[in-house]
Amino acid sequence: MRWISAIALVVMLFLTSCSSKEPLPGEELILDARKDYRALDSARVEIVNDITGETEQTFTFKYDEKGIMVYSYTGDSDGVHLKQFNNGREQFTYDNGVVTVLSSADLDFTAYSRDVPYPMADEGLILFYKNGIIPEKCLLQEVSLQGAANPVTHIKHEYDVSKISSEYSGEGELKSFSVDYNFDCEGNLLDFIESAEIANDDETKSYRYLVKIYDKNAVEKVENVVDISDIDN
């Protein structure tokens, strides 16, 4: 399945680097948030283009009583329209007007579980790559956000693009990349924003993607987002 992401690092840099360096500002909060997310029974993730305000990706998952994952994914950006639903037995995919179905008997079918989660349900969704971060450009401060009753902890990590460019799979040259995280007063992750500048030909564009996690352990059912009436009988 293709991914929609102008900043392809949203789904590429999933590993936390092992390092003997001193902890970075906010590192413990981020690592705890990654573990907490990985342990959820269910959740809904939205990735919003923070420049246009449009939601470009939505991912919802829930584990059943046997630990099998049921998920749905919707992506819509730059003329690419994707939808997918997988319940551990069947997979339905809509890809720019073409609907396909796989079953557990097909070689290309993959079932996901707590032991082998779908990438967007794994801890790597919350990006943290320690060896790529520039320590002297890290920021941690208490700020007031609109709608928040209490001050939040804002953490900013700027990356050395020379250390992460090999992981970038998008078009053009990655010129800058940073992540801003917001935590509430109890240390819970509120959201995070991935920002990048990408040079393509003689033009450099800025991108900002806001990632929010909703309905933690509160998803009752994952609906099939693919219209199966379009499937040829």
Foldseek 3Di string as FASTA:
>chain_A
DDDDDLFVLLQQQQDADDDPDDDFVCNVLLVVQLVVLLPFQWWKKWKAFPVVRHTFKIKIWGADPVFWIWMWMWGDDDQWTWIWTDRQAKIWIDTNHDIDMDGPPDPPDDTAGSVRHDSCSHSSSSPHHPVFWDRVPKDWDWDDDPPDPGTKIKIKTWGDCVVCQVRGDHDAGWDTWMKIWIAHPVSHTAKMKIWTWGDDDNDIDITIMIMGMGCGNNDPDHDRPDDCVSPDD
